[in-house]
């Protein structure tokens, strides 16, 4: 009798492009609202949007599962 191997969970590529897991295990992502219509936004707002954001723990667990980590 042959042993059946467990299939591996595939990484969701769409999520892998948008999120990154740090060394400490936090999930980081980029902000939205930076693609167009930047002239109406203040310089401080644009600077704030450029910084990476950390996800909340409840959503981070789901993202890590989809990244198969």
Protein backbone atom coordinates (compact mmCIF):
# COMPACT_ATOMS: atom_id res chain seq x y z
CA UNK A 1 0.00 0.00 0.00
CA UNK A 2 1.25 3.47 -0.90
CA UNK A 3 1.20 6.26 1.62
CA UNK A 4 -0.68 9.33 0.48
CA UNK A 5 1.14 12.60 1.01
CA UNK A 6 -0.69 15.51 2.48
CA UNK A 7 -1.12 18.25 -0.07
CA UNK A 8 0.57 21.55 0.70
CA UNK A 9 -1.43 24.72 1.05
CA UNK A 10 -0.65 27.07 -1.82
CA UNK A 11 0.25 30.70 -1.23
CA UNK A 12 -2.32 33.24 -2.39
CA UNK A 13 -0.21 35.31 -4.76
CA UNK A 14 -2.57 38.29 -4.64
CA UNK A 15 -2.09 38.47 -0.87
CA UNK A 16 1.66 37.84 -1.10
CA UNK A 17 2.00 40.95 -3.29
CA UNK A 18 0.13 43.17 -0.83
CA UNK A 19 1.32 42.00 2.58
CA UNK A 20 4.66 41.19 4.20
CA UNK A 21 5.36 39.38 7.47
CA UNK A 22 8.09 40.99 9.56
CA UNK A 23 10.71 39.13 11.57
CA UNK A 24 8.63 39.65 14.72
CA UNK A 25 5.55 38.15 13.07
CA UNK A 26 3.62 41.36 12.39
CA UNK A 27 1.81 41.77 9.08
CA UNK A 28 2.61 45.02 7.25
CA UNK A 29 0.87 46.58 4.24
CA UNK A 30 0.88 49.80 2.21
CA UNK A 31 -1.89 52.37 2.44
CA UNK A 32 -4.43 53.08 -0.26
CA UNK A 33 -5.38 56.56 -1.60
CA UNK A 34 -1.97 57.27 -3.13
CA UNK A 35 -2.52 56.46 -6.82
CA UNK A 36 -4.22 59.59 -8.12
CA UNK A 37 -5.85 62.89 -7.09
CA UNK A 38 -2.83 63.72 -4.94
CA UNK A 39 -3.09 67.45 -5.51
CA UNK A 40 -6.17 67.65 -3.29
CA UNK A 41 -4.41 65.89 -0.40
CA UNK A 42 -2.14 67.75 1.99
CA UNK A 43 1.61 67.05 2.07
CA UNK A 44 1.32 65.77 5.64
CA UNK A 45 -1.45 63.38 4.62
CA UNK A 46 0.61 62.03 1.71
CA UNK A 47 3.62 61.54 4.03
CA UNK A 48 1.40 59.71 6.52
CA UNK A 49 -0.01 57.46 3.80
CA UNK A 50 3.47 56.51 2.57
CA UNK A 51 4.45 54.84 5.85
CA UNK A 52 3.70 51.08 6.07
CA UNK A 53 0.82 50.10 8.34
CA UNK A 54 0.56 47.12 10.71
CA UNK A 55 -2.57 44.96 10.53
CA UNK A 56 -4.74 44.17 13.54
CA UNK A 57 -4.22 40.71 15.04
CA UNK A 58 -7.59 39.28 13.94
CA UNK A 59 -7.04 40.10 10.27
CA UNK A 60 -3.32 39.29 10.51
CA UNK A 61 -4.13 35.68 11.47
CA UNK A 62 -6.25 35.27 8.33
CA UNK A 63 -3.56 36.82 6.12
CA UNK A 64 -0.87 34.55 7.60
CA UNK A 65 -3.04 31.54 6.91
CA UNK A 66 -3.51 32.61 3.28
CA UNK A 67 0.25 33.15 3.02
CA UNK A 68 0.60 29.61 4.44
CA UNK A 69 2.88 30.65 7.29
